[in-house]
N, C-alpha and C. Protein backbone atom coordinates (compact mmCIF):
# COMPACT_ATOMS: atom_id res chain seq x y z
N MET A 1 69.72 -20.76 37.98
CA MET A 1 69.86 -22.10 38.50
C MET A 1 68.95 -23.04 37.71
N ALA A 2 69.47 -24.14 37.32
CA ALA A 2 68.72 -25.11 36.52
C ALA A 2 67.69 -25.84 37.38
N ILE A 3 66.60 -26.21 36.74
CA ILE A 3 65.55 -26.96 37.43
C ILE A 3 66.06 -28.37 37.71
N GLN A 4 65.94 -28.81 38.96
CA GLN A 4 66.42 -30.13 39.36
C GLN A 4 65.28 -31.14 39.49
N PHE A 5 64.07 -30.64 39.75
CA PHE A 5 62.92 -31.52 39.96
C PHE A 5 61.78 -31.12 39.03
N LEU A 6 60.96 -32.10 38.68
CA LEU A 6 59.77 -31.87 37.87
C LEU A 6 58.53 -32.05 38.73
N THR A 7 57.52 -31.23 38.49
CA THR A 7 56.24 -31.36 39.18
C THR A 7 55.32 -32.27 38.37
N ALA A 8 54.18 -32.59 38.94
CA ALA A 8 53.22 -33.44 38.25
C ALA A 8 52.74 -32.78 36.96
N ASP A 9 52.54 -31.47 36.98
CA ASP A 9 52.10 -30.78 35.77
C ASP A 9 53.14 -30.88 34.66
N GLN A 10 54.41 -30.76 35.01
CA GLN A 10 55.48 -30.86 34.02
C GLN A 10 55.61 -32.28 33.48
N VAL A 11 55.47 -33.27 34.35
CA VAL A 11 55.52 -34.67 33.91
C VAL A 11 54.34 -34.96 32.99
N ALA A 12 53.15 -34.49 33.38
CA ALA A 12 51.95 -34.71 32.57
C ALA A 12 52.12 -34.12 31.17
N GLU A 13 52.67 -32.92 31.09
CA GLU A 13 52.88 -32.27 29.80
C GLU A 13 53.94 -33.00 28.97
N ALA A 14 55.00 -33.45 29.62
CA ALA A 14 56.11 -34.09 28.92
C ALA A 14 55.70 -35.40 28.26
N ILE A 15 54.83 -36.17 28.91
CA ILE A 15 54.47 -37.48 28.36
C ILE A 15 53.02 -37.59 27.95
N GLY A 16 52.27 -36.50 28.04
CA GLY A 16 50.90 -36.47 27.53
C GLY A 16 49.91 -37.31 28.32
N VAL A 17 49.98 -37.20 29.65
CA VAL A 17 49.04 -37.92 30.51
C VAL A 17 48.33 -36.93 31.41
N SER A 18 47.31 -37.42 32.13
CA SER A 18 46.60 -36.56 33.06
C SER A 18 47.47 -36.26 34.28
N ARG A 19 47.07 -35.27 35.02
CA ARG A 19 47.81 -34.88 36.23
C ARG A 19 47.82 -36.01 37.26
N SER A 20 46.68 -36.69 37.41
CA SER A 20 46.62 -37.78 38.39
C SER A 20 47.52 -38.94 37.99
N THR A 21 47.59 -39.22 36.69
CA THR A 21 48.50 -40.27 36.21
C THR A 21 49.95 -39.85 36.44
N ALA A 22 50.23 -38.58 36.24
CA ALA A 22 51.59 -38.07 36.48
C ALA A 22 51.97 -38.25 37.95
N TYR A 23 51.04 -38.01 38.86
CA TYR A 23 51.32 -38.21 40.29
C TYR A 23 51.63 -39.68 40.58
N ARG A 24 50.91 -40.59 39.95
CA ARG A 24 51.17 -42.02 40.15
C ARG A 24 52.56 -42.40 39.63
N ILE A 25 52.92 -41.83 38.48
CA ILE A 25 54.25 -42.09 37.91
C ILE A 25 55.34 -41.54 38.84
N ILE A 26 55.14 -40.33 39.34
CA ILE A 26 56.10 -39.73 40.26
C ILE A 26 56.26 -40.59 41.51
N LYS A 27 55.14 -41.07 42.03
CA LYS A 27 55.18 -41.92 43.22
C LYS A 27 55.99 -43.19 42.95
N ARG A 28 55.78 -43.78 41.79
CA ARG A 28 56.51 -45.00 41.43
C ARG A 28 58.01 -44.74 41.27
N LEU A 29 58.34 -43.67 40.56
CA LEU A 29 59.75 -43.33 40.36
C LEU A 29 60.44 -43.01 41.69
N ASN A 30 59.74 -42.27 42.56
CA ASN A 30 60.32 -41.95 43.86
C ASN A 30 60.51 -43.20 44.71
N GLN A 31 59.59 -44.16 44.60
CA GLN A 31 59.74 -45.42 45.33
C GLN A 31 60.99 -46.16 44.84
N GLU A 32 61.20 -46.16 43.53
CA GLU A 32 62.40 -46.79 42.98
C GLU A 32 63.66 -46.13 43.54
N LEU A 33 63.65 -44.80 43.62
CA LEU A 33 64.80 -44.08 44.15
C LEU A 33 65.01 -44.38 45.64
N GLU A 34 63.91 -44.43 46.40
CA GLU A 34 64.01 -44.74 47.82
C GLU A 34 64.59 -46.14 48.03
N ASN A 35 64.18 -47.08 47.19
CA ASN A 35 64.70 -48.44 47.29
C ASN A 35 66.20 -48.50 47.02
N LYS A 36 66.71 -47.50 46.28
CA LYS A 36 68.14 -47.41 46.00
C LYS A 36 68.87 -46.60 47.07
N GLY A 37 68.12 -46.11 48.06
CA GLY A 37 68.73 -45.37 49.16
C GLY A 37 68.73 -43.86 49.03
N TYR A 38 68.04 -43.32 48.04
CA TYR A 38 67.99 -41.88 47.84
C TYR A 38 66.86 -41.25 48.64
N ILE A 39 67.02 -39.99 48.98
CA ILE A 39 65.97 -39.20 49.62
C ILE A 39 65.15 -38.56 48.50
N THR A 40 63.83 -38.59 48.63
CA THR A 40 62.96 -38.04 47.58
C THR A 40 62.10 -36.92 48.14
N VAL A 41 61.51 -36.15 47.24
CA VAL A 41 60.58 -35.08 47.59
C VAL A 41 59.20 -35.49 47.10
N SER A 42 58.25 -35.57 48.00
CA SER A 42 56.90 -35.99 47.64
C SER A 42 56.29 -35.04 46.61
N GLY A 43 55.70 -35.61 45.56
CA GLY A 43 55.04 -34.80 44.55
C GLY A 43 55.97 -34.26 43.48
N LYS A 44 57.26 -34.54 43.60
CA LYS A 44 58.24 -34.10 42.60
C LYS A 44 59.17 -35.26 42.32
N VAL A 45 59.78 -35.22 41.14
CA VAL A 45 60.72 -36.28 40.77
C VAL A 45 61.97 -35.63 40.18
N SER A 46 63.09 -36.26 40.42
CA SER A 46 64.35 -35.79 39.86
C SER A 46 64.23 -35.72 38.34
N LYS A 47 64.60 -34.58 37.79
CA LYS A 47 64.53 -34.40 36.34
C LYS A 47 65.42 -35.41 35.63
N LYS A 48 66.61 -35.64 36.18
CA LYS A 48 67.55 -36.58 35.56
C LYS A 48 67.00 -38.00 35.60
N TYR A 49 66.46 -38.42 36.74
CA TYR A 49 65.95 -39.79 36.85
C TYR A 49 64.75 -39.99 35.92
N PHE A 50 63.87 -38.99 35.85
CA PHE A 50 62.72 -39.07 34.95
C PHE A 50 63.19 -39.22 33.50
N ALA A 51 64.16 -38.41 33.12
CA ALA A 51 64.68 -38.47 31.74
C ALA A 51 65.33 -39.82 31.46
N ASP A 52 66.07 -40.33 32.42
CA ASP A 52 66.71 -41.65 32.25
C ASP A 52 65.68 -42.75 32.06
N ARG A 53 64.63 -42.72 32.85
CA ARG A 53 63.62 -43.79 32.81
C ARG A 53 62.70 -43.69 31.60
N PHE A 54 62.42 -42.49 31.13
CA PHE A 54 61.48 -42.34 30.02
C PHE A 54 62.15 -42.13 28.67
N TYR A 55 63.29 -41.51 28.66
CA TYR A 55 63.91 -41.15 27.38
C TYR A 55 65.35 -41.62 27.25
N GLY A 56 65.82 -42.42 28.17
CA GLY A 56 67.21 -42.84 28.14
C GLY A 56 68.16 -41.68 28.42
N GLY A 57 67.65 -40.62 29.05
CA GLY A 57 68.47 -39.49 29.44
C GLY A 57 68.72 -38.47 28.36
N ALA A 58 68.04 -38.57 27.25
CA ALA A 58 68.34 -37.72 26.10
C ALA A 58 67.67 -36.35 26.15
N GLU A 59 66.79 -36.10 25.25
CA GLU A 59 66.19 -34.80 24.92
C GLU A 59 65.85 -33.91 26.12
N LEU A 60 65.22 -34.45 27.12
CA LEU A 60 64.75 -33.64 28.24
C LEU A 60 65.89 -32.97 29.00
N MET A 61 67.07 -33.55 28.97
CA MET A 61 68.19 -33.03 29.74
C MET A 61 68.93 -31.89 29.05
N LYS A 62 68.61 -31.59 27.81
CA LYS A 62 69.27 -30.48 27.12
C LYS A 62 68.85 -29.17 27.79
N PRO A 63 69.80 -28.28 28.05
CA PRO A 63 69.46 -27.00 28.68
C PRO A 63 68.47 -26.20 27.82
N GLN A 64 67.48 -25.64 28.47
CA GLN A 64 66.49 -24.83 27.78
C GLN A 64 66.84 -23.36 28.02
N PRO A 65 66.72 -22.52 26.99
CA PRO A 65 67.03 -21.10 27.18
C PRO A 65 66.02 -20.45 28.12
N TYR A 66 66.48 -19.53 28.92
CA TYR A 66 65.62 -18.80 29.84
C TYR A 66 65.40 -17.42 29.27
N VAL A 67 64.15 -17.05 29.05
CA VAL A 67 63.83 -15.76 28.45
C VAL A 67 63.15 -14.90 29.51
N LEU A 68 63.72 -13.74 29.77
CA LEU A 68 63.17 -12.82 30.75
C LEU A 68 62.47 -11.69 30.02
N ASN A 69 61.20 -11.48 30.34
CA ASN A 69 60.42 -10.40 29.73
C ASN A 69 60.46 -10.46 28.21
N GLU A 70 60.03 -11.57 27.69
CA GLU A 70 60.03 -11.76 26.24
C GLU A 70 59.11 -10.73 25.58
N ARG A 71 59.62 -10.06 24.58
CA ARG A 71 58.83 -9.07 23.84
C ARG A 71 58.85 -9.44 22.37
N ARG A 72 57.70 -9.39 21.79
CA ARG A 72 57.60 -9.68 20.36
C ARG A 72 57.54 -8.35 19.61
N VAL A 73 58.37 -8.24 18.61
CA VAL A 73 58.43 -7.02 17.82
C VAL A 73 57.94 -7.34 16.42
N ALA A 74 56.99 -6.53 15.94
CA ALA A 74 56.41 -6.77 14.61
C ALA A 74 57.32 -6.31 13.52
């Protein structure tokens, strides 16, 4: 199942900010969504909405491969 929401740690890593700044950004984005009538999850933001607002919906929305028990062979 694909990830639908991003946490503060994921937002912080994606845009290179501190965790506390990421929480403020999430709060702002969720407020925008609530004003449009959407239900939000505190401390998380829709991956699609985040990508739309920060990247125009591009790069972040590409499916990432899932690797189970990655082993490196010399």
